[in-house]
């Protein structure tokens, strides 16, 4: 999703450490990447892209404390953007849920999406146990949705090495999950 991982990660880390200018630059840079990411996925709804960019930026800002600097920033950002996109598409398929009156505002704000954040943490832990030659191809192709060719260019691996890395990595993850259960 993002070709400037190191640049964005550096701005975020400095921003989290209190550098307001770096954090502002991070959000500005991220908004451009998000706009492109969402525009490709919502080509038939171009008027909705900007609202979704803003929703996603707000979610990223609110969840910034959950970012683990030892993990790839792109995977974390992509997960948030994808969840926002899925939420949008679900709302859209149910009709205009944004205009429904709230019967109980406490119910809306009283619950948190703990299951999703736990799943993301669990996935990050499992992926962290894989060697980079397996982890990176899985993150880029299966989580971020990049093609094998894009992943190969991004990681410096050959396309066949990316395919092998995904295959072996998924096989290793399945084996670990079987051991857990």
Protein backbone atom coordinates (compact mmCIF):
# COMPACT_ATOMS: atom_id res chain seq x y z
CA UNK A 1 0.00 0.00 0.00
CA UNK A 2 2.75 2.46 0.88
CA UNK A 3 6.02 2.71 -0.94
CA UNK A 4 7.67 5.01 1.60
CA UNK A 5 7.50 2.80 4.70
CA UNK A 6 10.70 4.11 6.30
CA UNK A 7 9.80 7.76 5.72
CA UNK A 8 6.28 7.40 7.13
CA UNK A 9 7.48 5.27 10.03
CA UNK A 10 10.13 7.85 10.95
CA UNK A 11 7.60 10.68 10.90
CA UNK A 12 5.16 8.67 13.03
CA UNK A 13 7.80 7.67 15.58
CA UNK A 14 8.96 11.29 15.91
CA UNK A 15 5.33 12.39 16.15
CA UNK A 16 4.59 9.87 18.88
CA UNK A 17 7.63 11.20 20.73
CA UNK A 18 6.07 14.68 20.75
CA UNK A 19 7.27 16.27 17.48
CA UNK A 20 4.02 17.91 16.32
CA UNK A 21 5.46 19.02 12.98
CA UNK A 22 6.53 15.45 12.14
CA UNK A 23 3.12 14.10 13.12
CA UNK A 24 1.37 16.70 10.98
CA UNK A 25 3.65 15.83 8.04
CA UNK A 26 2.95 12.12 8.65
CA UNK A 27 -0.83 12.67 8.48
CA UNK A 28 -0.50 14.84 5.37
CA UNK A 29 1.69 12.25 3.60
CA UNK A 30 -0.52 9.40 4.77
CA UNK A 31 -3.66 11.12 3.46
CA UNK A 32 -2.23 11.08 -0.07
CA UNK A 33 -1.43 7.37 0.17
CA UNK A 34 -4.85 6.60 1.64
CA UNK A 35 -6.58 8.60 -1.08
CA UNK A 36 -4.87 6.52 -3.77
CA UNK A 37 -5.52 3.25 -1.94
CA UNK A 38 -9.22 4.02 -1.49
CA UNK A 39 -9.69 5.58 -4.93
CA UNK A 40 -8.54 2.32 -6.55
CA UNK A 41 -11.02 0.34 -4.48
CA UNK A 42 -13.94 2.76 -4.81
CA UNK A 43 -13.55 3.75 -8.46
CA UNK A 44 -17.31 3.49 -8.93
CA UNK A 45 -17.95 5.82 -5.94
CA UNK A 46 -15.43 8.66 -6.34
CA UNK A 47 -17.53 11.08 -4.25
CA UNK A 48 -17.17 8.83 -1.19
CA UNK A 49 -13.37 8.60 -1.21
CA UNK A 50 -12.60 11.85 0.63
CA UNK A 51 -15.01 11.12 3.47
CA UNK A 52 -13.49 7.68 3.86
CA UNK A 53 -9.97 9.14 3.82
CA UNK A 54 -10.96 11.43 6.69
CA UNK A 55 -12.60 8.58 8.63
CA UNK A 56 -9.48 6.48 8.19
CA UNK A 57 -7.15 9.29 9.25
CA UNK A 58 -9.25 9.80 12.36
CA UNK A 59 -9.09 6.07 13.14
CA UNK A 60 -5.32 6.06 12.62
CA UNK A 61 -4.99 9.06 14.95
CA UNK A 62 -7.20 7.50 17.63
CA UNK A 63 -5.42 4.13 17.41
CA UNK A 64 -1.88 5.55 17.16
CA UNK A 65 -1.06 4.23 20.64
CA UNK A 66 -1.59 0.66 19.39
CA UNK A 67 1.20 0.84 16.82
CA UNK A 68 4.14 -1.43 17.66
CA UNK A 69 7.32 0.13 16.24
CA UNK A 70 8.83 -3.36 15.88
CA UNK A 71 6.17 -4.29 13.30
CA UNK A 72 5.76 -3.02 9.73
CA UNK A 73 3.86 0.25 9.65
CA UNK A 74 2.22 -0.61 6.34
CA UNK A 75 0.53 -3.71 7.74
CA UNK A 76 -0.91 -1.72 10.66
CA UNK A 77 -2.10 1.12 8.42
CA UNK A 78 -3.47 -1.24 5.81
CA UNK A 79 -5.49 -3.11 8.43
CA UNK A 80 -7.09 0.12 9.64
CA UNK A 81 -7.82 1.33 6.10
CA UNK A 82 -9.27 -2.03 5.12
CA UNK A 83 -11.50 -2.14 8.23
CA UNK A 84 -12.78 1.34 7.44
CA UNK A 85 -13.46 0.35 3.85
CA UNK A 86 -15.31 -2.79 4.92
CA UNK A 87 -17.33 -0.78 7.47
CA UNK A 88 -18.25 1.71 4.74
CA UNK A 89 -19.31 -1.03 2.34
CA UNK A 90 -21.38 -2.73 5.04
CA UNK A 91 -23.13 0.54 5.90
CA UNK A 92 -23.78 1.12 2.23
CA UNK A 93 -25.23 -2.36 1.71
CA UNK A 94 -27.63 -1.87 4.64
CA UNK A 95 -28.85 1.44 3.30
CA UNK A 96 -28.08 4.83 4.73
CA UNK A 97 -27.35 3.83 8.31
CA UNK A 98 -25.80 7.23 9.01
CA UNK A 99 -29.25 8.80 9.00
CA UNK A 100 -30.78 6.30 11.42
CA UNK A 101 -31.59 7.87 14.78
CA UNK A 102 -29.60 6.63 17.74
CA UNK A 103 -31.91 5.10 20.29
CA UNK A 104 -29.22 4.69 22.88
CA UNK A 105 -26.02 6.66 22.41
CA UNK A 106 -24.50 4.94 25.45
CA UNK A 107 -24.71 1.63 23.61
CA UNK A 108 -22.77 3.06 20.68
CA UNK A 109 -19.96 4.44 22.83
CA UNK A 110 -20.06 1.78 25.52
CA UNK A 111 -18.52 -1.03 23.50
CA UNK A 112 -15.15 -1.42 21.90
CA UNK A 113 -14.06 -3.63 19.06
CA UNK A 114 -11.78 -5.72 21.26
CA UNK A 115 -12.04 -8.87 19.15
CA UNK A 116 -10.62 -7.16 16.07
CA UNK A 117 -7.74 -5.59 17.96
CA UNK A 118 -6.97 -8.92 19.66
CA UNK A 119 -6.97 -10.66 16.28
CA UNK A 120 -4.59 -8.04 14.86
CA UNK A 121 -2.28 -8.50 17.86
CA UNK A 122 -2.40 -12.29 17.53
CA UNK A 123 -1.65 -12.08 13.83
CA UNK A 124 1.24 -9.68 14.47
CA UNK A 125 2.69 -12.10 17.05
CA UNK A 126 2.37 -15.08 14.70
CA UNK A 127 3.86 -13.17 11.78
CA UNK A 128 6.66 -11.92 14.01
CA UNK A 129 7.74 -15.52 14.55
CA UNK A 130 8.33 -16.05 10.84
CA UNK A 131 11.62 -15.23 9.13
CA UNK A 132 11.51 -12.09 6.93
CA UNK A 133 11.57 -14.20 3.75
CA UNK A 134 8.18 -15.61 4.73
CA UNK A 135 6.72 -12.76 6.79
CA UNK A 136 7.19 -9.95 4.26
CA UNK A 137 5.65 -11.80 1.30
CA UNK A 138 2.61 -12.70 3.42
CA UNK A 139 2.20 -9.16 4.76
CA UNK A 140 2.52 -7.54 1.35
CA UNK A 141 0.48 -10.01 -0.73
CA UNK A 142 -2.11 -11.35 1.69
CA UNK A 143 -2.63 -8.43 4.07
CA UNK A 144 -1.80 -5.39 1.96
CA UNK A 145 -3.15 -6.89 -1.26
CA UNK A 146 -0.08 -6.21 -3.40
CA UNK A 147 0.67 -8.37 -6.40
CA UNK A 148 3.56 -10.82 -6.42
CA UNK A 149 5.43 -8.53 -8.83
CA UNK A 150 4.89 -5.47 -6.59
CA UNK A 151 6.02 -7.44 -3.55
CA UNK A 152 9.11 -8.65 -5.38
CA UNK A 153 10.06 -5.06 -6.30
CA UNK A 154 9.38 -3.81 -2.77
CA UNK A 155 11.33 -6.54 -0.98
CA UNK A 156 14.09 -7.13 -3.53
CA UNK A 157 13.09 -10.80 -3.78
CA UNK A 158 12.41 -12.63 -7.03
CA UNK A 159 8.78 -13.33 -7.89
CA UNK A 160 9.30 -17.05 -7.40
CA UNK A 161 10.93 -16.40 -3.99
CA UNK A 162 7.86 -14.34 -3.01
CA UNK A 163 5.54 -17.20 -4.01
CA UNK A 164 7.66 -19.74 -2.14
CA UNK A 165 7.83 -17.42 0.90
CA UNK A 166 4.05 -17.06 0.98
CA UNK A 167 3.54 -20.81 0.60
CA UNK A 168 6.07 -21.79 3.27
CA UNK A 169 4.98 -18.99 5.60
CA UNK A 170 1.32 -19.94 5.43
CA UNK A 171 2.24 -23.58 5.96
CA UNK A 172 4.28 -22.59 9.04
CA UNK A 173 1.40 -20.46 10.38
CA UNK A 174 -1.06 -23.34 9.96
CA UNK A 175 1.32 -25.66 11.80
CA UNK A 176 1.68 -23.15 14.67
CA UNK A 177 -2.08 -22.70 14.88
CA UNK A 178 -2.55 -26.48 15.05
CA UNK A 179 -0.02 -26.61 17.90
CA UNK A 180 -1.95 -23.89 19.79
CA UNK A 181 -5.32 -25.59 19.52
